[in-house]
């Protein structure tokens, strides 16, 4: 059994990580759309940057965030002794 103080530390780190991930997700998904007109002045491979973010960039960011979160949470579970046995 894990003591309450250890669990509070575990959830504090988990919550902090999740807030960071959600902020990055929000910026990638919504903030770029708000600035679409300005971003379209920049082109990547002949496509406007806002189009690129919508079509490719946000998807790549979401996949990277999922892999990051999985790895981070696994390491956090091991650190606090709550990892599942393999």
C-alpha atoms as a PDB file:
ATOM      1  CA  UNK A   1       0.000   0.000   0.000  1.00  0.00           C
ATOM      2  CA  UNK A   2       1.237   3.459  -0.889  1.00  0.00           C
ATOM      3  CA  UNK A   3       1.048   6.238   1.673  1.00  0.00           C
ATOM      4  CA  UNK A   4      -1.100   9.309   1.091  1.00  0.00           C
ATOM      5  CA  UNK A   5       1.835  11.714   0.696  1.00  0.00           C
ATOM      6  CA  UNK A   6       3.355   9.590  -2.082  1.00  0.00           C
ATOM      7  CA  UNK A   7       0.019   9.412  -3.901  1.00  0.00           C
ATOM      8  CA  UNK A   8      -0.429  13.176  -3.633  1.00  0.00           C
ATOM      9  CA  UNK A   9       3.001  13.690  -5.205  1.00  0.00           C
ATOM     10  CA  UNK A  10       2.156  11.205  -7.947  1.00  0.00           C
ATOM     11  CA  UNK A  11      -1.119  12.915  -8.809  1.00  0.00           C
ATOM     12  CA  UNK A  12       0.444  16.372  -8.599  1.00  0.00           C
ATOM     13  CA  UNK A  13       3.043  15.409 -11.218  1.00  0.00           C
ATOM     14  CA  UNK A  14       0.412  13.648 -13.345  1.00  0.00           C
ATOM     15  CA  UNK A  15      -1.871  16.677 -13.216  1.00  0.00           C
ATOM     16  CA  UNK A  16       0.972  19.069 -14.101  1.00  0.00           C
ATOM     17  CA  UNK A  17       1.949  16.929 -17.087  1.00  0.00           C
ATOM     18  CA  UNK A  18      -1.652  16.706 -18.295  1.00  0.00           C
ATOM     19  CA  UNK A  19      -2.134  20.484 -18.066  1.00  0.00           C
ATOM     20  CA  UNK A  20       1.019  21.048 -20.123  1.00  0.00           C
ATOM     21  CA  UNK A  21      -0.152  18.558 -22.749  1.00  0.00           C
ATOM     22  CA  UNK A  22      -3.619  20.124 -22.910  1.00  0.00           C
ATOM     23  CA  UNK A  23      -2.147  23.611 -23.374  1.00  0.00           C
ATOM     24  CA  UNK A  24       0.034  22.376 -26.242  1.00  0.00           C
ATOM     25  CA  UNK A  25      -2.974  20.576 -27.748  1.00  0.00           C
ATOM     26  CA  UNK A  26      -5.140  23.707 -27.447  1.00  0.00           C
ATOM     27  CA  UNK A  27      -2.521  25.871 -29.121  1.00  0.00           C
ATOM     28  CA  UNK A  28      -2.011  23.361 -31.942  1.00  0.00           C
ATOM     29  CA  UNK A  29      -5.722  22.837 -32.544  1.00  0.00           C
ATOM     30  CA  UNK A  30      -7.370  26.193 -31.889  1.00  0.00           C
ATOM     31  CA  UNK A  31      -4.930  29.081 -31.589  1.00  0.00           C
ATOM     32  CA  UNK A  32      -3.450  28.385 -35.011  1.00  0.00           C
ATOM     33  CA  UNK A  33      -6.972  28.593 -36.494  1.00  0.00           C
ATOM     34  CA  UNK A  34      -7.534  32.028 -34.933  1.00  0.00           C
ATOM     35  CA  UNK A  35      -4.417  33.351 -36.640  1.00  0.00           C
ATOM     36  CA  UNK A  36      -5.033  31.619 -39.969  1.00  0.00           C
ATOM     37  CA  UNK A  37      -4.948  34.782 -42.083  1.00  0.00           C
ATOM     38  CA  UNK A  38      -1.578  35.816 -40.681  1.00  0.00           C
ATOM     39  CA  UNK A  39      -0.168  32.283 -40.864  1.00  0.00           C
ATOM     40  CA  UNK A  40      -1.194  31.938 -44.508  1.00  0.00           C
ATOM     41  CA  UNK A  41       1.440  34.521 -45.414  1.00  0.00           C
ATOM     42  CA  UNK A  42       4.058  31.846 -44.671  1.00  0.00           C
ATOM     43  CA  UNK A  43       4.279  28.866 -47.015  1.00  0.00           C
ATOM     44  CA  UNK A  44       5.768  25.408 -46.527  1.00  0.00           C
ATOM     45  CA  UNK A  45       6.212  23.292 -49.632  1.00  0.00           C
ATOM     46  CA  UNK A  46       3.923  25.628 -51.545  1.00  0.00           C
ATOM     47  CA  UNK A  47       1.077  25.357 -49.029  1.00  0.00           C
ATOM     48  CA  UNK A  48      -0.053  28.101 -46.652  1.00  0.00           C
ATOM     49  CA  UNK A  49       1.089  27.477 -43.077  1.00  0.00           C
ATOM     50  CA  UNK A  50      -2.463  27.481 -41.644  1.00  0.00           C
ATOM     51  CA  UNK A  51      -3.460  24.777 -44.131  1.00  0.00           C
ATOM     52  CA  UNK A  52      -0.338  22.808 -43.256  1.00  0.00           C
ATOM     53  CA  UNK A  53      -1.128  23.015 -39.520  1.00  0.00           C
ATOM     54  CA  UNK A  54      -4.698  21.937 -40.102  1.00  0.00           C
ATOM     55  CA  UNK A  55      -3.917  19.101 -42.491  1.00  0.00           C
ATOM     56  CA  UNK A  56      -0.639  17.737 -41.153  1.00  0.00           C
ATOM     57  CA  UNK A  57       0.926  19.708 -38.338  1.00  0.00           C
ATOM     58  CA  UNK A  58      -1.757  19.247 -35.700  1.00  0.00           C
ATOM     59  CA  UNK A  59      -1.959  15.504 -36.380  1.00  0.00           C
ATOM     60  CA  UNK A  60       1.798  15.131 -36.014  1.00  0.00           C
ATOM     61  CA  UNK A  61       1.729  17.122 -32.780  1.00  0.00           C
ATOM     62  CA  UNK A  62      -1.093  14.941 -31.378  1.00  0.00           C
ATOM     63  CA  UNK A  63       0.795  11.725 -32.151  1.00  0.00           C
ATOM     64  CA  UNK A  64       3.973  13.095 -30.573  1.00  0.00           C
ATOM     65  CA  UNK A  65       1.999  14.190 -27.489  1.00  0.00           C
ATOM     66  CA  UNK A  66       0.516  10.705 -27.122  1.00  0.00           C
ATOM     67  CA  UNK A  67       3.920   9.023 -27.296  1.00  0.00           C
ATOM     68  CA  UNK A  68       5.384  11.576 -24.889  1.00  0.00           C
ATOM     69  CA  UNK A  69       2.543  11.134 -22.402  1.00  0.00           C
ATOM     70  CA  UNK A  70       2.803   7.359 -22.528  1.00  0.00           C
ATOM     71  CA  UNK A  71       6.536   7.383 -21.881  1.00  0.00           C
ATOM     72  CA  UNK A  72       6.306  10.079 -19.198  1.00  0.00           C
ATOM     73  CA  UNK A  73       3.502   8.273 -17.364  1.00  0.00           C
ATOM     74  CA  UNK A  74       5.343   4.937 -17.490  1.00  0.00           C
ATOM     75  CA  UNK A  75       8.423   6.560 -15.956  1.00  0.00           C
ATOM     76  CA  UNK A  76       6.281   8.303 -13.348  1.00  0.00           C
ATOM     77  CA  UNK A  77       4.562   5.016 -12.458  1.00  0.00           C
ATOM     78  CA  UNK A  78       7.944   3.360 -11.940  1.00  0.00           C
ATOM     79  CA  UNK A  79       9.190   6.307  -9.870  1.00  0.00           C
ATOM     80  CA  UNK A  80       6.242   6.064  -7.465  1.00  0.00           C
ATOM     81  CA  UNK A  81       6.018   2.267  -7.459  1.00  0.00           C
ATOM     82  CA  UNK A  82       2.600   1.991  -9.093  1.00  0.00           C
ATOM     83  CA  UNK A  83       3.732   0.504 -12.419  1.00  0.00           C
ATOM     84  CA  UNK A  84       1.926  -2.524 -13.774  1.00  0.00           C
ATOM     85  CA  UNK A  85       3.906  -5.712 -14.010  1.00  0.00           C
ATOM     86  CA  UNK A  86       4.894  -6.694 -17.533  1.00  0.00           C
END
